[in-house]
Amino acid sequence: MKSYGEEMAPLFSRLLMQREFAQHAILHQINERLKTSSSALVLSAQEFSNFERAALALKDLWSARRRIQDKRYGTCVGCGEAIDLLRLHATPTTEYCTACQDRHDDQAPATQTRQTSHA
């Protein structure tokens, strides 16, 4: 298994920043729609869902960027082992290795389970 190394920080920082820009664009679109709407307090169910997903994704992205700064990125918060590099490429905001993610998902109530990736 290949794992993350600090020399990869610039690459993953750029990847996270690109995803962050995409989420900001979604929020900006919704904000612009609200500015031009006759009823600024009305969001469609889809817009509300998009807004909620973008906000959660930004939270996860900021958390991942903080872990890079703190030199904790790529280390599972569950067991302390390295997270597989392929997993980080696929889901760069993940906090867990595959085994701990499975345990975490099994313990979470079905209504509160959400993906760690908002790509």
N, C-alpha and C. Protein backbone atom coordinates (compact mmCIF):
# COMPACT_ATOMS: atom_id res chain seq x y z
N MET A 1 0.84 -1.18 0.00
CA MET A 1 0.00 0.00 0.00
C MET A 1 0.89 1.25 0.00
N LYS A 2 0.61 2.14 -0.91
CA LYS A 2 1.30 3.42 -0.92
C LYS A 2 0.55 4.36 0.00
N SER A 3 1.30 5.22 0.68
CA SER A 3 0.66 6.16 1.60
C SER A 3 1.13 7.58 1.34
N TYR A 4 0.40 8.52 1.90
CA TYR A 4 0.66 9.95 1.76
C TYR A 4 1.97 10.31 2.46
N GLY A 5 2.71 11.20 1.83
CA GLY A 5 3.91 11.76 2.44
C GLY A 5 3.83 13.27 2.37
N GLU A 6 4.51 13.96 3.26
CA GLU A 6 4.44 15.42 3.32
C GLU A 6 4.85 16.09 2.01
N GLU A 7 5.68 15.41 1.20
CA GLU A 7 6.07 15.99 -0.08
C GLU A 7 4.87 16.10 -1.02
N MET A 8 3.79 15.40 -0.71
CA MET A 8 2.57 15.44 -1.53
C MET A 8 1.61 16.55 -1.10
N ALA A 9 1.95 17.28 -0.04
CA ALA A 9 1.06 18.32 0.49
C ALA A 9 0.65 19.34 -0.58
N PRO A 10 1.57 19.84 -1.40
CA PRO A 10 1.15 20.82 -2.41
C PRO A 10 0.12 20.24 -3.40
N LEU A 11 0.34 19.00 -3.81
CA LEU A 11 -0.59 18.36 -4.74
C LEU A 11 -1.99 18.23 -4.13
N PHE A 12 -2.07 17.72 -2.91
CA PHE A 12 -3.36 17.54 -2.27
C PHE A 12 -3.99 18.88 -1.89
N SER A 13 -3.17 19.85 -1.53
CA SER A 13 -3.70 21.20 -1.24
C SER A 13 -4.38 21.78 -2.48
N ARG A 14 -3.74 21.61 -3.64
CA ARG A 14 -4.35 22.10 -4.89
C ARG A 14 -5.65 21.36 -5.20
N LEU A 15 -5.63 20.05 -5.03
CA LEU A 15 -6.82 19.25 -5.27
C LEU A 15 -7.97 19.70 -4.37
N LEU A 16 -7.68 19.88 -3.10
CA LEU A 16 -8.72 20.33 -2.17
C LEU A 16 -9.21 21.73 -2.52
N MET A 17 -8.29 22.61 -2.92
CA MET A 17 -8.67 23.97 -3.29
C MET A 17 -9.57 23.97 -4.53
N GLN A 18 -9.27 23.13 -5.51
CA GLN A 18 -10.11 23.04 -6.71
C GLN A 18 -11.52 22.60 -6.32
N ARG A 19 -11.61 21.64 -5.45
CA ARG A 19 -12.93 21.17 -5.01
C ARG A 19 -13.64 22.24 -4.19
N GLU A 20 -12.88 22.99 -3.43
CA GLU A 20 -13.47 24.08 -2.65
C GLU A 20 -14.05 25.15 -3.58
N PHE A 21 -13.32 25.50 -4.62
CA PHE A 21 -13.84 26.48 -5.59
C PHE A 21 -15.14 26.00 -6.21
N ALA A 22 -15.22 24.72 -6.53
CA ALA A 22 -16.44 24.17 -7.12
C ALA A 22 -17.62 24.30 -6.16
N GLN A 23 -17.38 24.07 -4.88
CA GLN A 23 -18.47 24.20 -3.90
C GLN A 23 -18.88 25.67 -3.71
N HIS A 24 -17.89 26.55 -3.71
CA HIS A 24 -18.20 27.98 -3.64
C HIS A 24 -19.04 28.42 -4.84
N ALA A 25 -18.76 27.87 -6.00
CA ALA A 25 -19.52 28.22 -7.20
C ALA A 25 -20.98 27.81 -7.04
N ILE A 26 -21.22 26.66 -6.46
CA ILE A 26 -22.60 26.21 -6.22
C ILE A 26 -23.30 27.19 -5.27
N LEU A 27 -22.63 27.55 -4.19
CA LEU A 27 -23.23 28.49 -3.24
C LEU A 27 -23.46 29.85 -3.89
N HIS A 28 -22.54 30.28 -4.73
CA HIS A 28 -22.69 31.56 -5.42
C HIS A 28 -23.91 31.54 -6.35
N GLN A 29 -24.09 30.44 -7.08
CA GLN A 29 -25.25 30.32 -7.97
C GLN A 29 -26.55 30.44 -7.19
N ILE A 30 -26.63 29.76 -6.07
CA ILE A 30 -27.84 29.81 -5.26
C ILE A 30 -28.04 31.21 -4.70
N ASN A 31 -26.98 31.84 -4.26
CA ASN A 31 -27.06 33.21 -3.75
C ASN A 31 -27.55 34.18 -4.82
N GLU A 32 -27.01 34.04 -6.03
CA GLU A 32 -27.45 34.91 -7.13
C GLU A 32 -28.92 34.69 -7.46
N ARG A 33 -29.36 33.45 -7.43
CA ARG A 33 -30.77 33.13 -7.68
C ARG A 33 -31.65 33.77 -6.62
N LEU A 34 -31.20 33.75 -5.39
CA LEU A 34 -31.98 34.36 -4.30
C LEU A 34 -32.04 35.88 -4.46
N LYS A 35 -30.96 36.49 -4.92
CA LYS A 35 -30.94 37.94 -5.11
C LYS A 35 -31.93 38.38 -6.18
N THR A 36 -32.10 37.55 -7.21
CA THR A 36 -32.96 37.93 -8.33
C THR A 36 -34.39 37.40 -8.19
N SER A 37 -34.63 36.61 -7.16
CA SER A 37 -35.96 36.02 -6.97
C SER A 37 -36.90 37.04 -6.35
N SER A 38 -38.17 36.95 -6.72
CA SER A 38 -39.16 37.85 -6.13
C SER A 38 -39.39 37.51 -4.66
N SER A 39 -39.14 36.29 -4.30
CA SER A 39 -39.24 35.86 -2.90
C SER A 39 -37.89 35.27 -2.50
N ALA A 40 -37.10 36.10 -1.84
CA ALA A 40 -35.73 35.71 -1.53
C ALA A 40 -35.63 34.56 -0.53
N LEU A 41 -36.71 34.22 0.13
CA LEU A 41 -36.66 33.17 1.13
C LEU A 41 -37.08 31.80 0.60
N VAL A 42 -37.35 31.74 -0.71
CA VAL A 42 -37.83 30.47 -1.26
C VAL A 42 -36.72 29.78 -2.04
N LEU A 43 -36.39 28.59 -1.59
CA LEU A 43 -35.46 27.73 -2.31
C LEU A 43 -36.22 26.47 -2.69
N SER A 44 -35.96 25.99 -3.89
CA SER A 44 -36.56 24.72 -4.26
C SER A 44 -35.90 23.62 -3.43
N ALA A 45 -36.54 22.47 -3.37
CA ALA A 45 -35.96 21.35 -2.63
C ALA A 45 -34.59 21.00 -3.19
N GLN A 46 -34.44 21.05 -4.50
CA GLN A 46 -33.15 20.74 -5.13
C GLN A 46 -32.09 21.77 -4.75
N GLU A 47 -32.46 23.05 -4.77
CA GLU A 47 -31.51 24.10 -4.41
C GLU A 47 -31.09 23.97 -2.94
N PHE A 48 -32.06 23.68 -2.09
CA PHE A 48 -31.74 23.52 -0.68
C PHE A 48 -30.80 22.33 -0.48
N SER A 49 -31.07 21.24 -1.19
CA SER A 49 -30.22 20.05 -1.11
C SER A 49 -28.81 20.37 -1.62
N ASN A 50 -28.72 21.10 -2.73
CA ASN A 50 -27.41 21.49 -3.28
C ASN A 50 -26.67 22.40 -2.29
N PHE A 51 -27.40 23.34 -1.68
CA PHE A 51 -26.81 24.24 -0.70
C PHE A 51 -26.26 23.45 0.49
N GLU A 52 -27.06 22.53 0.99
CA GLU A 52 -26.66 21.73 2.14
C GLU A 52 -25.44 20.87 1.83
N ARG A 53 -25.44 20.22 0.67
CA ARG A 53 -24.30 19.39 0.27
C ARG A 53 -23.03 20.23 0.10
N ALA A 54 -23.17 21.42 -0.50
CA ALA A 54 -22.00 22.28 -0.70
C ALA A 54 -21.45 22.75 0.64
N ALA A 55 -22.33 23.11 1.56
CA ALA A 55 -21.88 23.57 2.88
C ALA A 55 -21.16 22.44 3.62
N LEU A 56 -21.71 21.23 3.57
CA LEU A 56 -21.05 20.08 4.22
C LEU A 56 -19.72 19.76 3.55
N ALA A 57 -19.69 19.86 2.23
CA ALA A 57 -18.44 19.59 1.50
C ALA A 57 -17.38 20.61 1.89
N LEU A 58 -17.75 21.88 2.01
CA LEU A 58 -16.79 22.90 2.41
C LEU A 58 -16.24 22.61 3.80
N LYS A 59 -17.10 22.21 4.70
CA LYS A 59 -16.65 21.85 6.05
C LYS A 59 -15.61 20.73 5.99
N ASP A 60 -15.89 19.71 5.20
CA ASP A 60 -14.96 18.59 5.06
C ASP A 60 -13.66 19.02 4.39
N LEU A 61 -13.76 19.88 3.38
CA LEU A 61 -12.57 20.37 2.68
C LEU A 61 -11.71 21.21 3.60
N TRP A 62 -12.31 22.09 4.37
CA TRP A 62 -11.54 22.91 5.32
C TRP A 62 -10.88 22.04 6.37
N SER A 63 -11.58 21.02 6.82
CA SER A 63 -11.02 20.10 7.81
C SER A 63 -9.80 19.37 7.22
N ALA A 64 -9.91 18.92 5.98
CA ALA A 64 -8.79 18.25 5.33
C ALA A 64 -7.60 19.19 5.15
N ARG A 65 -7.88 20.42 4.77
CA ARG A 65 -6.78 21.39 4.61
C ARG A 65 -6.10 21.67 5.95
N ARG A 66 -6.90 21.70 7.02
CA ARG A 66 -6.34 21.90 8.36
C ARG A 66 -5.44 20.71 8.73
N ARG A 67 -5.86 19.49 8.39
CA ARG A 67 -5.04 18.32 8.68
C ARG A 67 -3.72 18.38 7.91
N ILE A 68 -3.74 18.91 6.69
CA ILE A 68 -2.48 19.07 5.94
C ILE A 68 -1.57 20.05 6.69
N GLN A 69 -2.13 21.18 7.11
CA GLN A 69 -1.34 22.18 7.84
C GLN A 69 -0.77 21.61 9.14
N ASP A 70 -1.58 20.81 9.82
CA ASP A 70 -1.17 20.23 11.10
C ASP A 70 -0.34 18.96 10.94
N LYS A 71 -0.07 18.60 9.69
CA LYS A 71 0.72 17.40 9.38
C LYS A 71 0.06 16.12 9.91
N ARG A 72 -1.28 16.09 9.86
CA ARG A 72 -2.05 14.91 10.26
C ARG A 72 -2.78 14.31 9.07
N TYR A 73 -2.67 14.93 7.90
CA TYR A 73 -3.37 14.46 6.71
C TYR A 73 -2.81 13.10 6.30
N GLY A 74 -3.72 12.21 5.90
CA GLY A 74 -3.30 10.89 5.45
C GLY A 74 -3.18 9.88 6.57
N THR A 75 -3.47 10.31 7.80
CA THR A 75 -3.44 9.41 8.95
C THR A 75 -4.87 9.23 9.44
N CYS A 76 -5.30 8.00 9.60
CA CYS A 76 -6.65 7.69 10.02
C CYS A 76 -6.90 8.20 11.44
N VAL A 77 -8.01 8.93 11.63
CA VAL A 77 -8.35 9.42 12.96
C VAL A 77 -8.90 8.31 13.85
N GLY A 78 -9.24 7.17 13.26
CA GLY A 78 -9.76 6.06 14.02
C GLY A 78 -8.68 5.18 14.63
N CYS A 79 -7.69 4.82 13.82
CA CYS A 79 -6.68 3.87 14.28
C CYS A 79 -5.26 4.43 14.26
N GLY A 80 -5.06 5.58 13.62
CA GLY A 80 -3.73 6.18 13.56
C GLY A 80 -2.83 5.63 12.47
N GLU A 81 -3.34 4.68 11.69
CA GLU A 81 -2.56 4.10 10.59
C GLU A 81 -2.66 4.99 9.35
N ALA A 82 -1.76 4.80 8.41
CA ALA A 82 -1.77 5.55 7.16
C ALA A 82 -3.00 5.16 6.32
N ILE A 83 -3.59 6.15 5.66
CA ILE A 83 -4.70 5.92 4.74
C ILE A 83 -4.10 5.65 3.37
N ASP A 84 -4.60 4.63 2.70
CA ASP A 84 -4.10 4.25 1.38
C ASP A 84 -4.15 5.45 0.43
N LEU A 85 -3.08 5.65 -0.32
CA LEU A 85 -2.98 6.79 -1.24
C LEU A 85 -4.09 6.76 -2.30
N LEU A 86 -4.45 5.60 -2.79
CA LEU A 86 -5.54 5.51 -3.77
C LEU A 86 -6.86 6.00 -3.17
N ARG A 87 -7.09 5.69 -1.90
CA ARG A 87 -8.30 6.17 -1.22
C ARG A 87 -8.27 7.69 -1.10
N LEU A 88 -7.11 8.24 -0.76
CA LEU A 88 -7.00 9.70 -0.65
C LEU A 88 -7.21 10.39 -1.99
N HIS A 89 -6.72 9.79 -3.06
CA HIS A 89 -6.95 10.36 -4.39
C HIS A 89 -8.44 10.35 -4.72
N ALA A 90 -9.11 9.26 -4.40
CA ALA A 90 -10.54 9.14 -4.72
C ALA A 90 -11.40 10.00 -3.80
N THR A 91 -11.03 10.06 -2.53
CA THR A 91 -11.81 10.79 -1.52
C THR A 91 -10.84 11.60 -0.66
N PRO A 92 -10.37 12.73 -1.17
CA PRO A 92 -9.32 13.47 -0.47
C PRO A 92 -9.72 14.06 0.87
N THR A 93 -11.00 14.10 1.17
CA THR A 93 -11.43 14.64 2.46
C THR A 93 -11.60 13.55 3.52
N THR A 94 -11.36 12.30 3.16
CA THR A 94 -11.59 11.22 4.12
C THR A 94 -10.69 11.36 5.34
N GLU A 95 -11.25 11.00 6.48
CA GLU A 95 -10.51 11.01 7.73
C GLU A 95 -10.15 9.59 8.18
N TYR A 96 -10.74 8.60 7.51
CA TYR A 96 -10.62 7.22 7.95
C TYR A 96 -10.02 6.32 6.88
N CYS A 97 -9.30 5.30 7.34
CA CYS A 97 -8.90 4.23 6.44
C CYS A 97 -10.16 3.43 6.11
N THR A 98 -10.08 2.53 5.17
CA THR A 98 -11.27 1.78 4.74
C THR A 98 -11.88 0.99 5.89
N ALA A 99 -11.06 0.30 6.67
CA ALA A 99 -11.58 -0.52 7.77
C ALA A 99 -12.29 0.33 8.81
N CYS A 100 -11.70 1.44 9.20
CA CYS A 100 -12.33 2.31 10.20
C CYS A 100 -13.57 3.01 9.63
N GLN A 101 -13.54 3.34 8.33
CA GLN A 101 -14.72 3.95 7.70
C GLN A 101 -15.89 2.98 7.76
N ASP A 102 -15.62 1.70 7.47
CA ASP A 102 -16.68 0.68 7.54
C ASP A 102 -17.25 0.60 8.95
N ARG A 103 -16.38 0.58 9.96
CA ARG A 103 -16.85 0.54 11.35
C ARG A 103 -17.64 1.80 11.70
N HIS A 104 -17.13 2.94 11.27
CA HIS A 104 -17.79 4.22 11.53
C HIS A 104 -19.18 4.26 10.89
N ASP A 105 -19.28 3.81 9.64
CA ASP A 105 -20.58 3.79 8.95
C ASP A 105 -21.55 2.82 9.60
N ASP A 106 -21.04 1.68 10.08
CA ASP A 106 -21.91 0.69 10.75
C ASP A 106 -22.46 1.22 12.06
N GLN A 107 -21.71 2.09 12.73
CA GLN A 107 -22.13 2.63 14.02
C GLN A 107 -23.06 3.83 13.88
N ALA A 108 -23.01 4.52 12.76
CA ALA A 108 -23.82 5.72 12.55
C ALA A 108 -25.26 5.33 12.25
N PRO A 109 -26.22 6.05 12.86
CA PRO A 109 -27.62 5.79 12.50
C PRO A 109 -27.84 6.04 11.01
N ALA A 110 -28.72 5.27 10.41
CA ALA A 110 -28.95 5.35 8.96
C ALA A 110 -29.32 6.76 8.52
N THR A 111 -30.03 7.50 9.34
CA THR A 111 -30.46 8.84 8.95
C THR A 111 -29.33 9.85 9.02
N GLN A 112 -28.26 9.53 9.75
CA GLN A 112 -27.16 10.48 9.88
C GLN A 112 -25.95 10.11 9.04
N THR A 113 -25.96 8.96 8.41
CA THR A 113 -24.82 8.54 7.61
C THR A 113 -24.72 9.40 6.37
N ARG A 114 -23.52 9.91 6.11
CA ARG A 114 -23.29 10.67 4.89
C ARG A 114 -21.93 10.31 4.36
N GLN A 115 -21.75 10.50 3.09
CA GLN A 115 -20.47 10.18 2.47
C GLN A 115 -19.43 11.18 2.93
N THR A 116 -18.20 10.74 2.98
CA THR A 116 -17.11 11.66 3.31
C THR A 116 -16.59 12.37 2.08
N SER A 117 -17.05 12.00 0.94
CA SER A 117 -16.63 12.64 -0.30
C SER A 117 -17.77 13.43 -0.88
N HIS A 118 -17.46 14.67 -1.24
CA HIS A 118 -18.46 15.55 -1.87
C HIS A 118 -17.89 16.10 -3.15
N ALA A 119 -17.23 15.28 -3.86
CA ALA A 119 -16.56 15.70 -5.08
C ALA A 119 -17.53 16.02 -6.18
